[in-house]
Amino acid sequence: MKTILHPTDFSTSSEDVFRMICPIARDRSAEIIVLHSVCPANCPPDDRDGDQVNRDSPLYQSIWERFARLRQLADDIPMMLCVKVGNPVETIVKVAGHECCDLIALAAPYHAYPHQQYHGSIPDCLKKFAPCPVLCLTESPYQAESKRIIEGLKSSLDECADSQVVATAVGDRNW
């Protein structure tokens, strides 16, 4: 194994997958390609050249900053950032084939979104079209629900001037 492709949206789940593949890459002296696919609607024409995001655009700079955070987690592993404009599945398959990737490692949410009923989820599509094995880390329903509760608590604490009231309300639940 020489090349691992890590498609990411820079979410917590994606970072968890990244942390998981770092030891694999280190043990096998493999390179990690971090791929971020940008929807064409979210990339102004002035910020792109074909399927490439211009490196001097604010969008690219924002993505580069998030990549730098991942870079700190894998200081001794060869890494490359790839930012493409296009459909995520098509982009992942194209990059995996072009770079001769040995593995695609990505995160997937537990819940299905309504549009997936018609188009299928990214992991489902990759299972059909990827030129190499796909490792997909999926949250369990418990993990997903825990994250929603924690995010709700954080926003409640931000909105509430008296954090004692929030703590009392939370303390009444059977955790």
C-alpha atoms as a PDB file:
ATOM      1  CA  MET A   1       0.000   0.000   0.000  1.00  0.00           C
ATOM      2  CA  LYS A   2       1.570   3.237  -1.182  1.00  0.00           C
ATOM      3  CA  THR A   3      -1.299   5.728  -1.501  1.00  0.00           C
ATOM      4  CA  ILE A   4      -4.386   6.324   0.656  1.00  0.00           C
ATOM      5  CA  LEU A   5      -7.067   8.718  -0.559  1.00  0.00           C
ATOM      6  CA  HIS A   6      -8.940  10.530   2.204  1.00  0.00           C
ATOM      7  CA  PRO A   7     -11.979  12.432   0.856  1.00  0.00           C
ATOM      8  CA  THR A   8     -12.978  14.942   3.526  1.00  0.00           C
ATOM      9  CA  ASP A   9     -15.443  17.645   4.392  1.00  0.00           C
ATOM     10  CA  PHE A  10     -13.216  18.547   7.372  1.00  0.00           C
ATOM     11  CA  SER A  11     -15.922  17.424   9.828  1.00  0.00           C
ATOM     12  CA  THR A  12     -15.180  15.767  13.168  1.00  0.00           C
ATOM     13  CA  SER A  13     -16.076  12.378  11.687  1.00  0.00           C
ATOM     14  CA  SER A  14     -13.661  12.905   8.800  1.00  0.00           C
ATOM     15  CA  GLU A  15     -10.925  13.893  11.234  1.00  0.00           C
ATOM     16  CA  ASP A  16     -11.585  10.666  13.188  1.00  0.00           C
ATOM     17  CA  VAL A  17     -11.033   8.670  10.001  1.00  0.00           C
ATOM     18  CA  PHE A  18      -7.872  10.666   9.282  1.00  0.00           C
ATOM     19  CA  ARG A  19      -6.535   9.853  12.754  1.00  0.00           C
ATOM     20  CA  MET A  20      -7.298   6.191  12.118  1.00  0.00           C
ATOM     21  CA  ILE A  21      -5.456   6.005   8.779  1.00  0.00           C
ATOM     22  CA  CYS A  22      -2.337   7.855   9.965  1.00  0.00           C
ATOM     23  CA  PRO A  23      -0.827   4.799  11.734  1.00  0.00           C
ATOM     24  CA  ILE A  24      -1.647   2.662   8.678  1.00  0.00           C
ATOM     25  CA  ALA A  25       0.114   5.126   6.381  1.00  0.00           C
ATOM     26  CA  ARG A  26       3.069   5.431   8.758  1.00  0.00           C
ATOM     27  CA  ASP A  27       3.506   1.637   9.069  1.00  0.00           C
ATOM     28  CA  ARG A  28       3.398   1.163   5.312  1.00  0.00           C
ATOM     29  CA  SER A  29       5.317   4.303   4.318  1.00  0.00           C
ATOM     30  CA  ALA A  30       2.267   5.392   2.339  1.00  0.00           C
ATOM     31  CA  GLU A  31       1.280   8.868   1.181  1.00  0.00           C
ATOM     32  CA  ILE A  32      -2.105  10.316   2.168  1.00  0.00           C
ATOM     33  CA  ILE A  33      -3.952  12.365  -0.424  1.00  0.00           C
ATOM     34  CA  VAL A  34      -6.497  14.618   1.271  1.00  0.00           C
ATOM     35  CA  LEU A  35      -9.275  15.363  -1.222  1.00  0.00           C
ATOM     36  CA  HIS A  36     -11.891  18.052  -0.796  1.00  0.00           C
ATOM     37  CA  SER A  37     -14.587  18.202  -3.452  1.00  0.00           C
ATOM     38  CA  VAL A  38     -16.348  21.547  -3.874  1.00  0.00           C
ATOM     39  CA  CYS A  39     -19.854  21.759  -5.302  1.00  0.00           C
ATOM     40  CA  PRO A  40     -19.811  23.947  -8.443  1.00  0.00           C
ATOM     41  CA  ALA A  41     -22.584  26.099  -6.954  1.00  0.00           C
ATOM     42  CA  ASN A  42     -20.291  26.945  -4.015  1.00  0.00           C
ATOM     43  CA  CYS A  43     -17.342  27.966  -6.180  1.00  0.00           C
ATOM     44  CA  PRO A  44     -17.666  31.225  -8.115  1.00  0.00           C
ATOM     45  CA  PRO A  45     -16.392  31.067 -11.725  1.00  0.00           C
ATOM     46  CA  ASP A  46     -13.589  33.520 -10.879  1.00  0.00           C
ATOM     47  CA  ASP A  47     -12.292  31.085  -8.213  1.00  0.00           C
ATOM     48  CA  ARG A  48     -11.843  28.132 -10.533  1.00  0.00           C
ATOM     49  CA  ASP A  49     -10.113  26.954 -13.651  1.00  0.00           C
ATOM     50  CA  GLY A  50     -11.977  23.951 -15.006  1.00  0.00           C
ATOM     51  CA  ASP A  51     -12.214  21.430 -12.156  1.00  0.00           C
ATOM     52  CA  GLN A  52      -9.404  23.115 -10.175  1.00  0.00           C
ATOM     53  CA  VAL A  53      -9.914  25.731  -7.469  1.00  0.00           C
ATOM     54  CA  ASN A  54      -7.507  28.639  -7.991  1.00  0.00           C
ATOM     55  CA  ARG A  55      -4.846  28.618  -5.295  1.00  0.00           C
ATOM     56  CA  ASP A  56      -5.084  32.372  -4.741  1.00  0.00           C
ATOM     57  CA  SER A  57      -8.851  32.318  -4.134  1.00  0.00           C
ATOM     58  CA  PRO A  58     -10.280  32.850  -0.633  1.00  0.00           C
ATOM     59  CA  LEU A  59     -12.009  29.465  -0.904  1.00  0.00           C
ATOM     60  CA  TYR A  60      -8.710  27.652  -1.479  1.00  0.00           C
ATOM     61  CA  GLN A  61      -7.031  29.569   1.347  1.00  0.00           C
ATOM     62  CA  SER A  62      -9.817  28.526   3.717  1.00  0.00           C
ATOM     63  CA  ILE A  63      -9.431  24.871   2.696  1.00  0.00           C
ATOM     64  CA  TRP A  64      -5.632  25.132   2.995  1.00  0.00           C
ATOM     65  CA  GLU A  65      -5.980  26.318   6.605  1.00  0.00           C
ATOM     66  CA  ARG A  66      -8.116  23.280   7.473  1.00  0.00           C
ATOM     67  CA  PHE A  67      -5.624  21.017   5.697  1.00  0.00           C
ATOM     68  CA  ALA A  68      -2.800  22.547   7.772  1.00  0.00           C
ATOM     69  CA  ARG A  69      -4.635  21.414  10.907  1.00  0.00           C
ATOM     70  CA  LEU A  70      -4.663  17.829   9.601  1.00  0.00           C
ATOM     71  CA  ARG A  71      -1.019  18.203   8.592  1.00  0.00           C
ATOM     72  CA  GLN A  72      -0.145  18.789  12.260  1.00  0.00           C
ATOM     73  CA  LEU A  73      -1.685  15.427  13.175  1.00  0.00           C
ATOM     74  CA  ALA A  74       0.552  13.601  10.685  1.00  0.00           C
ATOM     75  CA  ASP A  75       3.823  15.517  10.778  1.00  0.00           C
ATOM     76  CA  ASP A  76       6.001  12.677   9.441  1.00  0.00           C
ATOM     77  CA  ILE A  77       3.618  11.242   6.820  1.00  0.00           C
ATOM     78  CA  PRO A  78       3.856  12.414   3.196  1.00  0.00           C
ATOM     79  CA  MET A  79       0.636  14.269   2.359  1.00  0.00           C
ATOM     80  CA  MET A  80      -0.881  16.105  -0.559  1.00  0.00           C
ATOM     81  CA  LEU A  81      -3.943  18.360  -0.735  1.00  0.00           C
ATOM     82  CA  CYS A  82      -6.204  18.010  -3.742  1.00  0.00           C
ATOM     83  CA  VAL A  83      -9.131  20.427  -4.159  1.00  0.00           C
ATOM     84  CA  LYS A  84     -11.490  19.750  -7.056  1.00  0.00           C
ATOM     85  CA  VAL A  85     -14.773  21.235  -8.248  1.00  0.00           C
ATOM     86  CA  GLY A  86     -17.435  18.694  -9.121  1.00  0.00           C
ATOM     87  CA  ASN A  87     -19.641  15.832  -8.050  1.00  0.00           C
ATOM     88  CA  PRO A  88     -18.029  14.145  -5.005  1.00  0.00           C
ATOM     89  CA  VAL A  89     -18.370  10.548  -6.236  1.00  0.00           C
ATOM     90  CA  GLU A  90     -17.074  11.304  -9.731  1.00  0.00           C
ATOM     91  CA  THR A  91     -14.220  13.349  -8.271  1.00  0.00           C
ATOM     92  CA  ILE A  92     -13.211  10.653  -5.771  1.00  0.00           C
ATOM     93  CA  VAL A  93     -13.281   7.903  -8.415  1.00  0.00           C
ATOM     94  CA  LYS A  94     -11.313  10.038 -10.890  1.00  0.00           C
ATOM     95  CA  VAL A  95      -8.613  11.026  -8.373  1.00  0.00           C
ATOM     96  CA  ALA A  96      -8.353   7.477  -6.985  1.00  0.00           C
ATOM     97  CA  GLY A  97      -7.766   6.131 -10.489  1.00  0.00           C
ATOM     98  CA  HIS A  98      -5.407   8.902 -11.607  1.00  0.00           C
ATOM     99  CA  GLU A  99      -3.259   8.666  -8.463  1.00  0.00           C
ATOM    100  CA  CYS A 100      -3.330   4.813  -8.409  1.00  0.00           C
ATOM    101  CA  CYS A 101      -4.699   4.808  -4.862  1.00  0.00           C
ATOM    102  CA  ASP A 102      -4.644   1.563  -2.909  1.00  0.00           C
ATOM    103  CA  LEU A 103      -7.394   2.563  -0.465  1.00  0.00           C
ATOM    104  CA  ILE A 104     -10.127   5.177  -0.099  1.00  0.00           C
ATOM    105  CA  ALA A 105     -10.889   5.994   3.558  1.00  0.00           C
ATOM    106  CA  LEU A 106     -13.813   8.263   4.387  1.00  0.00           C
ATOM    107  CA  ALA A 107     -16.452   9.023   6.998  1.00  0.00           C
ATOM    108  CA  ALA A 108     -20.172   8.679   6.447  1.00  0.00           C
ATOM    109  CA  PRO A 109     -23.044   9.903   8.594  1.00  0.00           C
ATOM    110  CA  TYR A 110     -25.314   7.337  10.200  1.00  0.00           C
ATOM    111  CA  HIS A 111     -28.545   8.839   8.914  1.00  0.00           C
ATOM    112  CA  ALA A 112     -29.665   8.929   5.319  1.00  0.00           C
ATOM    113  CA  TYR A 113     -30.615  12.215   3.721  1.00  0.00           C
ATOM    114  CA  PRO A 114     -33.746  12.447   1.529  1.00  0.00           C
ATOM    115  CA  HIS A 115     -31.741  13.005  -1.688  1.00  0.00           C
ATOM    116  CA  GLN A 116     -29.930   9.699  -1.063  1.00  0.00           C
ATOM    117  CA  GLN A 117     -33.182   7.855  -1.798  1.00  0.00           C
ATOM    118  CA  TYR A 118     -32.749   8.913  -5.424  1.00  0.00           C
ATOM    119  CA  HIS A 119     -28.998   9.217  -5.908  1.00  0.00           C
ATOM    120  CA  GLY A 120     -27.564   6.919  -3.211  1.00  0.00           C
ATOM    121  CA  SER A 121     -25.039   7.867  -0.574  1.00  0.00           C
ATOM    122  CA  ILE A 122     -21.413   8.579  -1.437  1.00  0.00           C
ATOM    123  CA  PRO A 123     -20.183   5.319   0.201  1.00  0.00           C
ATOM    124  CA  ASP A 124     -22.852   3.294  -1.645  1.00  0.00           C
ATOM    125  CA  CYS A 125     -21.840   4.810  -4.985  1.00  0.00           C
ATOM    126  CA  LEU A 126     -18.133   4.338  -4.251  1.00  0.00           C
ATOM    127  CA  LYS A 127     -18.706   0.633  -3.544  1.00  0.00           C
ATOM    128  CA  LYS A 128     -19.910   0.340  -7.128  1.00  0.00           C
ATOM    129  CA  PHE A 129     -17.424   2.551  -8.963  1.00  0.00           C
ATOM    130  CA  ALA A 130     -14.195   2.907  -6.945  1.00  0.00           C
ATOM    131  CA  PRO A 131     -11.041   1.461  -8.531  1.00  0.00           C
ATOM    132  CA  CYS A 132      -9.749   0.282  -5.123  1.00  0.00           C
ATOM    133  CA  PRO A 133     -11.079  -0.873  -1.729  1.00  0.00           C
ATOM    134  CA  VAL A 134     -13.196   1.617   0.249  1.00  0.00           C
ATOM    135  CA  LEU A 135     -12.984   1.915   4.024  1.00  0.00           C
ATOM    136  CA  CYS A 136     -15.996   3.774   5.389  1.00  0.00           C
ATOM    137  CA  LEU A 137     -16.303   4.655   9.065  1.00  0.00           C
ATOM    138  CA  THR A 138     -19.933   5.149   9.996  1.00  0.00           C
ATOM    139  CA  GLU A 139     -21.191   6.561  13.265  1.00  0.00           C
ATOM    140  CA  SER A 140     -23.452   4.347  15.326  1.00  0.00           C
ATOM    141  CA  PRO A 141     -26.908   5.766  16.109  1.00  0.00           C
ATOM    142  CA  TYR A 142     -25.762   6.253  19.706  1.00  0.00           C
ATOM    143  CA  GLN A 143     -22.723   8.308  18.659  1.00  0.00           C
ATOM    144  CA  ALA A 144     -24.813  10.427  16.311  1.00  0.00           C
ATOM    145  CA  GLU A 145     -27.451  11.072  18.982  1.00  0.00           C
ATOM    146  CA  SER A 146     -24.759  11.884  21.576  1.00  0.00           C
ATOM    147  CA  LYS A 147     -23.226  14.456  19.241  1.00  0.00           C
ATOM    148  CA  ARG A 148     -26.636  16.074  18.664  1.00  0.00           C
ATOM    149  CA  ILE A 149     -27.248  16.264  22.433  1.00  0.00           C
ATOM    150  CA  ILE A 150     -23.816  17.756  23.084  1.00  0.00           C
ATOM    151  CA  GLU A 151     -24.262  20.348  20.320  1.00  0.00           C
ATOM    152  CA  GLY A 152     -27.688  21.217  21.735  1.00  0.00           C
ATOM    153  CA  LEU A 153     -26.196  21.663  25.178  1.00  0.00           C
ATOM    154  CA  LYS A 154     -23.438  23.878  23.803  1.00  0.00           C
ATOM    155  CA  SER A 155     -25.914  26.146  22.028  1.00  0.00           C
ATOM    156  CA  SER A 156     -28.140  26.238  25.122  1.00  0.00           C
ATOM    157  CA  LEU A 157     -25.200  27.287  27.253  1.00  0.00           C
ATOM    158  CA  ASP A 158     -24.264  29.974  24.739  1.00  0.00           C
ATOM    159  CA  GLU A 159     -27.795  31.365  24.738  1.00  0.00           C
ATOM    160  CA  CYS A 160     -28.433  31.094  28.461  1.00  0.00           C
ATOM    161  CA  ALA A 161     -27.101  33.783  30.779  1.00  0.00           C
ATOM    162  CA  ASP A 162     -27.623  31.580  33.840  1.00  0.00           C
ATOM    163  CA  SER A 163     -25.769  28.318  33.155  1.00  0.00           C
ATOM    164  CA  GLN A 164     -27.013  26.968  36.531  1.00  0.00           C
ATOM    165  CA  VAL A 165     -30.516  26.616  35.077  1.00  0.00           C
ATOM    166  CA  VAL A 166     -29.229  24.596  32.105  1.00  0.00           C
ATOM    167  CA  ALA A 167     -27.118  22.386  34.391  1.00  0.00           C
ATOM    168  CA  THR A 168     -30.165  21.682  36.590  1.00  0.00           C
ATOM    169  CA  ALA A 169     -32.300  20.787  33.588  1.00  0.00           C
ATOM    170  CA  VAL A 170     -29.613  18.465  32.242  1.00  0.00           C
ATOM    171  CA  GLY A 171     -29.067  16.946  35.684  1.00  0.00           C
ATOM    172  CA  ASP A 172     -32.696  15.852  35.803  1.00  0.00           C
ATOM    173  CA  ARG A 173     -32.202  13.474  32.877  1.00  0.00           C
ATOM    174  CA  ASN A 174     -31.201   9.841  33.378  1.00  0.00           C
ATOM    175  CA  TRP A 175     -27.762   9.736  31.787  1.00  0.00           C
END
